[in-house]
N, C-alpha and C. Protein backbone atom coordinates (compact mmCIF):
# COMPACT_ATOMS: atom_id res chain seq x y z
N ARG A 1 -130.34 -21.81 -37.65
CA ARG A 1 -130.73 -23.19 -37.17
C ARG A 1 -129.50 -23.89 -36.88
N THR A 2 -129.51 -24.46 -35.87
CA THR A 2 -128.13 -25.44 -35.35
C THR A 2 -128.59 -26.84 -35.02
N MET A 3 -128.09 -27.81 -35.91
CA MET A 3 -128.84 -29.34 -35.70
C MET A 3 -127.52 -30.03 -34.45
N VAL A 4 -128.20 -30.44 -33.42
CA VAL A 4 -127.14 -31.07 -32.86
C VAL A 4 -127.60 -32.44 -32.63
N CYS A 5 -126.64 -33.38 -32.70
CA CYS A 5 -126.93 -35.00 -32.74
C CYS A 5 -125.97 -35.61 -31.36
N HIS A 6 -126.49 -36.40 -30.65
CA HIS A 6 -125.91 -36.94 -29.56
C HIS A 6 -125.81 -38.41 -29.94
N ARG A 7 -124.52 -39.11 -29.52
CA ARG A 7 -124.25 -40.60 -29.78
C ARG A 7 -124.82 -41.18 -28.64
N ASP A 8 -125.53 -40.60 -27.36
CA ASP A 8 -125.75 -41.25 -26.20
C ASP A 8 -126.78 -40.63 -25.64
N ALA A 9 -128.02 -41.22 -25.42
CA ALA A 9 -129.14 -40.55 -25.19
C ALA A 9 -129.05 -39.98 -23.61
N VAL A 10 -127.97 -40.34 -22.78
CA VAL A 10 -127.61 -39.92 -21.37
C VAL A 10 -127.24 -38.43 -21.84
N THR A 11 -126.52 -38.14 -22.70
CA THR A 11 -125.99 -36.71 -22.91
C THR A 11 -126.94 -35.89 -23.67
N ASP A 12 -128.46 -36.35 -24.32
CA ASP A 12 -129.03 -35.47 -24.95
C ASP A 12 -130.23 -34.90 -24.01
N PRO A 13 -130.06 -33.60 -23.85
CA PRO A 13 -131.13 -32.87 -22.88
C PRO A 13 -132.62 -33.12 -23.37
N MET A 14 -132.89 -33.80 -24.71
CA MET A 14 -134.27 -34.09 -25.26
C MET A 14 -134.76 -35.37 -24.57
N THR A 15 -134.17 -36.30 -24.34
CA THR A 15 -134.32 -37.35 -23.44
C THR A 15 -135.33 -37.16 -22.46
N ALA A 16 -135.13 -36.27 -21.80
CA ALA A 16 -135.93 -35.94 -20.55
C ALA A 16 -137.12 -35.24 -20.90
N VAL A 17 -137.32 -34.47 -21.98
CA VAL A 17 -138.18 -33.56 -22.45
C VAL A 17 -139.25 -34.31 -23.38
N ASP A 18 -138.67 -34.81 -24.12
CA ASP A 18 -139.49 -35.69 -25.43
C ASP A 18 -138.69 -36.74 -26.01
N PRO A 19 -138.71 -38.04 -25.43
CA PRO A 19 -137.88 -38.99 -25.78
C PRO A 19 -138.11 -39.54 -27.13
N ARG A 20 -138.89 -39.13 -27.70
CA ARG A 20 -138.98 -39.36 -29.29
C ARG A 20 -138.08 -38.64 -30.05
N ARG A 21 -137.62 -37.31 -29.61
CA ARG A 21 -136.75 -36.64 -30.43
C ARG A 21 -135.25 -36.85 -29.90
N THR A 22 -135.13 -37.92 -29.01
CA THR A 22 -133.44 -38.23 -28.71
C THR A 22 -132.98 -38.93 -29.76
N THR A 23 -131.43 -38.13 -29.69
CA THR A 23 -130.79 -38.45 -31.07
C THR A 23 -129.74 -39.29 -30.21
N VAL A 24 -129.50 -40.55 -31.10
CA VAL A 24 -128.62 -41.35 -30.60
C VAL A 24 -127.76 -42.07 -31.86
N GLU A 25 -126.81 -43.25 -31.66
CA GLU A 25 -126.43 -43.97 -32.61
C GLU A 25 -127.64 -44.52 -33.04
N TRP A 26 -127.93 -45.19 -34.34
CA TRP A 26 -129.00 -45.69 -34.76
C TRP A 26 -129.36 -46.99 -34.22
N SER A 27 -128.26 -47.73 -33.81
CA SER A 27 -128.34 -49.04 -33.11
C SER A 27 -128.59 -48.74 -31.75
N SER A 28 -128.96 -48.05 -30.92
CA SER A 28 -128.86 -47.51 -29.71
C SER A 28 -130.38 -47.26 -29.43
N ALA A 29 -130.92 -47.72 -27.95
CA ALA A 29 -132.28 -47.11 -27.81
C ALA A 29 -132.18 -45.41 -27.46
N PRO A 30 -133.35 -45.00 -27.73
CA PRO A 30 -134.64 -45.44 -27.92
C PRO A 30 -134.88 -45.88 -29.55
N VAL A 31 -134.08 -45.41 -30.39
CA VAL A 31 -134.27 -45.89 -31.75
C VAL A 31 -134.14 -47.15 -32.19
N ASP A 32 -133.12 -47.91 -31.74
CA ASP A 32 -133.01 -49.35 -31.67
C ASP A 32 -133.12 -49.85 -33.37
N ARG A 33 -132.78 -49.28 -34.05
CA ARG A 33 -132.76 -49.42 -35.59
C ARG A 33 -131.16 -49.34 -36.28
N PRO A 34 -130.74 -50.57 -36.16
CA PRO A 34 -129.16 -50.36 -36.34
C PRO A 34 -128.98 -50.19 -38.15
N GLU A 35 -128.32 -49.27 -38.50
CA GLU A 35 -127.89 -48.64 -39.94
C GLU A 35 -127.91 -49.92 -40.79
N ASN A 36 -127.23 -50.91 -40.29
CA ASN A 36 -127.20 -51.87 -41.18
C ASN A 36 -128.17 -52.56 -41.74
N THR A 37 -129.41 -52.42 -40.91
CA THR A 37 -130.91 -52.80 -41.38
C THR A 37 -131.33 -52.06 -42.59
N MET A 38 -130.88 -50.87 -42.65
CA MET A 38 -131.40 -49.86 -43.85
C MET A 38 -130.41 -49.99 -45.10
N THR A 39 -128.87 -49.82 -44.61
CA THR A 39 -127.76 -49.82 -45.56
C THR A 39 -126.93 -51.11 -46.07
N GLY A 40 -127.16 -52.13 -44.99
CA GLY A 40 -126.43 -53.29 -45.20
C GLY A 40 -125.18 -53.35 -44.34
N LEU A 41 -124.74 -52.28 -44.21
CA LEU A 41 -123.23 -51.88 -43.36
C LEU A 41 -123.45 -51.50 -42.23
N SER A 42 -122.43 -51.73 -41.41
CA SER A 42 -122.65 -50.91 -39.94
C SER A 42 -120.89 -50.80 -39.49
N PHE A 43 -120.71 -50.03 -38.77
CA PHE A 43 -119.06 -49.76 -38.17
C PHE A 43 -118.89 -50.65 -37.28
N ARG A 44 -120.11 -51.37 -36.72
CA ARG A 44 -119.86 -52.33 -35.53
C ARG A 44 -118.93 -53.71 -36.27
N ARG A 45 -119.03 -53.96 -37.40
CA ARG A 45 -118.30 -54.86 -38.28
C ARG A 45 -117.02 -54.12 -38.92
N GLY A 46 -117.12 -53.12 -39.20
CA GLY A 46 -115.93 -52.54 -39.88
C GLY A 46 -114.63 -52.10 -39.00
N ALA A 47 -113.75 -51.37 -39.68
CA ALA A 47 -112.39 -51.34 -38.71
C ALA A 47 -112.25 -49.78 -38.68
N GLY A 48 -111.25 -49.26 -37.95
CA GLY A 48 -110.87 -48.08 -37.52
C GLY A 48 -109.38 -47.59 -37.34
N ALA A 49 -108.89 -47.06 -37.81
CA ALA A 49 -107.56 -46.49 -37.63
C ALA A 49 -107.41 -45.16 -37.48
N TRP A 50 -106.85 -44.85 -36.07
CA TRP A 50 -107.29 -43.37 -35.68
C TRP A 50 -105.46 -43.08 -35.08
N GLY A 51 -105.27 -41.72 -35.14
CA GLY A 51 -103.90 -41.29 -34.51
C GLY A 51 -102.87 -41.76 -35.64
N GLU A 52 -101.92 -42.18 -35.28
CA GLU A 52 -100.77 -42.59 -35.98
C GLU A 52 -100.83 -43.51 -36.89
N GLY A 53 -102.31 -44.44 -36.63
CA GLY A 53 -102.35 -45.68 -37.27
C GLY A 53 -103.27 -45.13 -38.60
N MET A 54 -103.53 -44.13 -38.81
CA MET A 54 -104.07 -43.62 -40.07
C MET A 54 -103.01 -43.54 -41.16
N ALA A 55 -101.83 -43.84 -40.95
CA ALA A 55 -100.66 -43.86 -42.01
C ALA A 55 -101.02 -45.21 -42.84
N VAL A 56 -101.70 -46.30 -42.25
CA VAL A 56 -102.08 -47.65 -42.85
C VAL A 56 -102.97 -47.31 -44.10
N MET A 57 -103.70 -46.41 -44.11
CA MET A 57 -105.14 -46.24 -44.92
C MET A 57 -104.61 -46.21 -46.51
N GLY A 58 -103.45 -45.54 -46.77
CA GLY A 58 -102.97 -45.67 -48.13
C GLY A 58 -102.41 -46.69 -48.64
N LYS A 59 -102.18 -47.89 -47.85
CA LYS A 59 -101.34 -49.19 -48.21
C LYS A 59 -102.77 -49.97 -48.49
N GLU A 60 -104.17 -49.90 -48.12
CA GLU A 60 -105.13 -50.86 -48.14
C GLU A 60 -105.98 -50.76 -49.61
N ALA A 61 -106.39 -51.73 -49.79
CA ALA A 61 -107.15 -51.89 -51.16
C ALA A 61 -108.17 -53.08 -50.92
N TYR A 62 -109.52 -52.72 -51.59
CA TYR A 62 -110.49 -53.72 -51.72
C TYR A 62 -110.08 -54.64 -52.66
N THR A 63 -110.65 -55.85 -52.59
CA THR A 63 -110.46 -57.08 -53.42
C THR A 63 -112.02 -57.43 -54.08
N ALA A 64 -111.86 -57.49 -55.37
CA ALA A 64 -113.05 -57.57 -56.00
C ALA A 64 -113.62 -59.03 -55.66
N ARG A 65 -115.07 -59.46 -55.35
CA ARG A 65 -115.44 -60.53 -55.01
C ARG A 65 -116.40 -61.01 -56.16
N PHE A 66 -117.05 -60.09 -56.91
CA PHE A 66 -118.22 -60.15 -57.63
C PHE A 66 -118.19 -59.49 -58.81
N ALA A 67 -117.14 -59.57 -59.51
CA ALA A 67 -116.59 -58.59 -60.77
C ALA A 67 -117.51 -58.54 -61.74
N GLY A 68 -118.42 -59.80 -62.00
CA GLY A 68 -119.37 -59.93 -63.00
C GLY A 68 -120.75 -58.82 -62.69
N HIS A 69 -120.66 -58.32 -61.67
CA HIS A 69 -121.78 -57.31 -61.36
C HIS A 69 -121.84 -55.94 -61.98
N TRP A 70 -122.89 -55.59 -62.50
CA TRP A 70 -122.83 -54.27 -63.40
C TRP A 70 -122.36 -53.37 -62.80
N ALA A 71 -122.04 -53.18 -61.42
CA ALA A 71 -121.45 -52.01 -60.86
C ALA A 71 -120.00 -51.88 -61.34
N PHE A 72 -119.35 -53.26 -61.60
CA PHE A 72 -118.04 -53.24 -62.10
C PHE A 72 -117.75 -53.13 -63.88
N ASP A 73 -118.94 -53.03 -64.44
CA ASP A 73 -118.88 -52.94 -66.14
C ASP A 73 -117.96 -52.41 -66.39
N GLY A 74 -117.09 -52.50 -67.39
CA GLY A 74 -116.01 -51.67 -68.17
C GLY A 74 -114.81 -51.37 -67.33
N THR A 75 -114.85 -51.98 -65.99
CA THR A 75 -113.49 -52.02 -65.25
C THR A 75 -112.55 -52.82 -65.58
N GLY A 76 -112.93 -54.19 -66.37
CA GLY A 76 -111.91 -55.20 -66.53
C GLY A 76 -111.44 -55.79 -65.35
N LEU A 77 -112.09 -55.35 -64.25
CA LEU A 77 -111.66 -56.18 -62.78
C LEU A 77 -112.06 -57.86 -62.78
N THR A 78 -111.08 -58.56 -62.28
CA THR A 78 -111.55 -59.95 -62.16
C THR A 78 -111.93 -60.30 -60.62
N ASP A 79 -112.29 -61.20 -60.25
CA ASP A 79 -112.64 -61.92 -58.85
C ASP A 79 -111.24 -61.90 -58.34
N GLY A 80 -111.17 -61.43 -56.92
CA GLY A 80 -109.65 -61.64 -56.52
C GLY A 80 -108.80 -60.68 -56.69
N GLU A 81 -109.00 -59.83 -57.44
CA GLU A 81 -108.16 -58.68 -58.05
C GLU A 81 -108.15 -57.43 -57.00
N PRO A 82 -107.20 -57.01 -56.67
CA PRO A 82 -107.41 -55.88 -55.78
C PRO A 82 -107.45 -54.63 -56.39
N PHE A 83 -108.11 -53.66 -55.88
CA PHE A 83 -108.51 -52.09 -56.61
C PHE A 83 -108.61 -51.25 -55.58
N ALA A 84 -108.51 -50.00 -56.07
CA ALA A 84 -108.80 -48.68 -55.35
C ALA A 84 -108.01 -48.59 -53.96
N ARG A 85 -106.45 -48.82 -54.17
CA ARG A 85 -105.72 -48.97 -53.08
C ARG A 85 -105.81 -47.33 -52.46
N GLY A 86 -105.61 -47.23 -51.59
CA GLY A 86 -105.64 -45.72 -50.96
C GLY A 86 -107.05 -45.31 -50.95
N ALA A 87 -108.11 -45.92 -51.36
CA ALA A 87 -109.58 -45.30 -50.95
C ALA A 87 -110.13 -45.51 -49.66
N LEU A 88 -109.76 -46.20 -48.95
CA LEU A 88 -110.42 -46.44 -47.67
C LEU A 88 -109.85 -45.61 -46.71
N GLY A 89 -111.07 -45.34 -45.92
CA GLY A 89 -111.06 -44.11 -45.09
C GLY A 89 -110.71 -44.73 -43.94
N TYR A 90 -110.23 -43.71 -42.60
CA TYR A 90 -109.79 -43.94 -41.37
C TYR A 90 -111.18 -44.93 -40.66
N GLU A 91 -112.31 -45.01 -41.08
CA GLU A 91 -113.23 -45.74 -40.41
C GLU A 91 -113.91 -46.59 -41.68
N THR A 92 -114.31 -47.81 -41.53
CA THR A 92 -114.88 -48.87 -42.63
C THR A 92 -116.02 -49.20 -41.96
N ASP A 93 -117.12 -49.56 -43.14
CA ASP A 93 -118.29 -50.29 -42.40
C ASP A 93 -118.22 -51.87 -43.09
N ALA A 94 -118.79 -52.80 -42.73
CA ALA A 94 -118.87 -54.06 -43.12
C ALA A 94 -120.35 -54.80 -42.41
N CYS A 95 -120.61 -55.69 -43.09
CA CYS A 95 -121.40 -56.63 -42.58
C CYS A 95 -120.89 -58.27 -42.01
N ALA A 96 -121.54 -58.82 -41.43
CA ALA A 96 -121.20 -60.30 -40.83
C ALA A 96 -121.26 -61.06 -42.17
N LEU A 97 -120.16 -61.51 -42.38
CA LEU A 97 -119.76 -62.59 -43.57
C LEU A 97 -119.86 -64.03 -43.12
N GLU A 98 -119.96 -64.98 -44.31
CA GLU A 98 -119.75 -66.21 -44.41
C GLU A 98 -118.95 -66.59 -45.60
N TRP A 99 -118.12 -67.41 -45.58
CA TRP A 99 -117.34 -67.54 -46.96
C TRP A 99 -117.66 -69.07 -47.17
N THR A 100 -118.27 -69.09 -48.38
CA THR A 100 -118.36 -70.34 -49.06
C THR A 100 -117.68 -70.51 -50.49
N ASP A 101 -116.67 -71.59 -50.60
CA ASP A 101 -116.10 -71.73 -51.66
C ASP A 101 -115.15 -70.47 -52.20
N GLY A 102 -114.70 -69.58 -51.30
CA GLY A 102 -114.36 -68.53 -51.40
C GLY A 102 -115.31 -67.30 -51.70
N VAL A 103 -116.44 -67.43 -51.85
CA VAL A 103 -117.22 -66.36 -51.89
C VAL A 103 -118.04 -65.79 -50.91
N PRO A 104 -117.87 -64.42 -50.91
CA PRO A 104 -118.54 -63.92 -49.32
C PRO A 104 -119.88 -63.73 -49.45
N ARG A 105 -120.66 -63.89 -48.49
CA ARG A 105 -122.10 -63.64 -48.63
C ARG A 105 -122.37 -63.03 -47.05
N ALA A 106 -123.37 -62.06 -47.13
CA ALA A 106 -123.96 -61.52 -45.65
C ALA A 106 -124.77 -62.72 -45.41
N THR A 107 -124.62 -62.82 -43.86
CA THR A 107 -125.14 -63.83 -43.04
C THR A 107 -126.73 -63.37 -42.60
N GLY A 108 -126.90 -62.10 -42.53
CA GLY A 108 -127.92 -61.52 -42.03
C GLY A 108 -128.08 -61.70 -40.32
N VAL A 109 -127.16 -62.25 -39.95
CA VAL A 109 -127.20 -62.33 -38.17
C VAL A 109 -127.32 -60.93 -37.47
N ASP A 110 -126.63 -59.84 -38.33
CA ASP A 110 -126.57 -58.66 -37.45
C ASP A 110 -127.75 -57.97 -38.16
N GLY A 111 -128.84 -58.25 -38.83
CA GLY A 111 -129.97 -57.33 -39.62
C GLY A 111 -129.67 -56.95 -40.88
N THR A 112 -128.52 -57.23 -41.50
CA THR A 112 -128.41 -57.11 -42.91
C THR A 112 -129.39 -57.79 -43.54
N PRO A 113 -130.03 -57.06 -44.45
CA PRO A 113 -131.11 -57.70 -45.34
C PRO A 113 -130.30 -58.82 -46.06
N GLY A 114 -131.31 -60.09 -46.30
CA GLY A 114 -130.63 -61.13 -47.25
C GLY A 114 -130.43 -61.06 -48.53
N SER A 115 -130.69 -59.77 -49.03
CA SER A 115 -130.55 -59.51 -50.32
C SER A 115 -129.48 -59.06 -50.70
N PHE A 116 -128.69 -58.38 -49.55
CA PHE A 116 -127.44 -57.47 -49.87
C PHE A 116 -126.41 -58.33 -50.62
N VAL A 117 -125.83 -57.81 -51.44
CA VAL A 117 -124.85 -58.40 -52.54
C VAL A 117 -123.23 -57.73 -52.07
N VAL A 118 -122.56 -58.57 -51.66
CA VAL A 118 -121.04 -58.27 -51.40
C VAL A 118 -120.44 -58.27 -52.79
N LEU A 119 -119.87 -56.96 -53.07
CA LEU A 119 -119.11 -56.84 -54.52
C LEU A 119 -117.90 -56.85 -54.13
N ALA A 120 -117.17 -56.30 -52.94
CA ALA A 120 -115.69 -56.48 -52.56
C ALA A 120 -115.60 -56.50 -51.07
N THR A 121 -114.11 -56.97 -50.77
CA THR A 121 -114.00 -56.83 -49.08
C THR A 121 -112.62 -56.45 -49.19
N ALA A 122 -112.39 -56.08 -48.01
CA ALA A 122 -110.94 -55.65 -47.40
C ALA A 122 -110.60 -56.17 -46.07
N ASP A 123 -109.90 -56.94 -45.95
CA ASP A 123 -109.61 -57.49 -44.37
C ASP A 123 -108.91 -56.50 -43.72
N LEU A 124 -109.20 -55.85 -42.73
CA LEU A 124 -108.43 -55.17 -41.92
C LEU A 124 -108.47 -55.60 -40.47
N ARG A 125 -108.59 -56.67 -40.43
CA ARG A 125 -108.47 -57.15 -38.90
C ARG A 125 -107.22 -56.79 -38.17
N HIS A 126 -106.10 -56.59 -39.30
CA HIS A 126 -104.63 -56.21 -38.66
C HIS A 126 -104.73 -54.69 -37.76
N TRP A 127 -105.80 -53.88 -38.03
CA TRP A 127 -105.95 -52.56 -37.62
C TRP A 127 -106.31 -52.62 -36.15
N ARG A 128 -106.41 -53.71 -35.74
CA ARG A 128 -106.97 -53.72 -34.39
C ARG A 128 -105.61 -52.97 -33.46
N GLU A 129 -104.49 -52.95 -34.09
CA GLU A 129 -103.27 -52.51 -33.36
C GLU A 129 -103.36 -50.96 -33.20
N TYR A 130 -104.33 -50.39 -34.30
CA TYR A 130 -104.45 -48.82 -34.49
C TYR A 130 -105.79 -48.44 -33.92
N GLY A 131 -106.51 -49.19 -33.67
CA GLY A 131 -107.99 -48.71 -32.94
C GLY A 131 -108.91 -49.99 -33.26
N GLN A 132 -109.44 -50.33 -34.11
CA GLN A 132 -110.49 -51.51 -34.16
C GLN A 132 -110.19 -52.26 -35.35
N GLY A 133 -109.99 -53.58 -35.23
CA GLY A 133 -109.77 -54.41 -36.45
C GLY A 133 -111.15 -54.71 -36.83
N GLY A 134 -111.36 -55.06 -38.13
CA GLY A 134 -112.46 -55.60 -38.70
C GLY A 134 -112.15 -55.72 -40.42
N ALA A 135 -113.18 -55.25 -41.02
CA ALA A 135 -113.40 -55.26 -42.49
C ALA A 135 -113.92 -54.09 -43.22
N ALA A 136 -113.96 -54.23 -44.33
CA ALA A 136 -114.73 -53.35 -45.11
C ALA A 136 -115.32 -54.06 -46.41
N THR A 137 -117.03 -53.81 -46.27
CA THR A 137 -117.48 -54.47 -47.57
C THR A 137 -118.54 -53.66 -48.36
């Protein structure tokens, strides 16, 4: 068996045969279920560095924003401390954020669940010169 997925309904031959079996990006019709409604994150708020821009990946790091969370137990990290330098890939996902007293919170305006907790961020707006500026959360 071979599974083929299309990013656009126009290119998927199943669109004309059985629209229920059309494959597209989650956020596109006919699915209309953006991935961040399930995972909290989306490429639409994320960043991407392609081609020669991929060289920047090794220089980037996350910044701990909620170091008291159990996911960071035993790491010794503190809020505001960079970590995982070089771990970011050429494409990242993020959610819509608002900052209150230096603490990022998911706004939910993009469909991210209200219970989503931001543990770390990476400001990648400068990646726009390499492809798509944004963030990683």
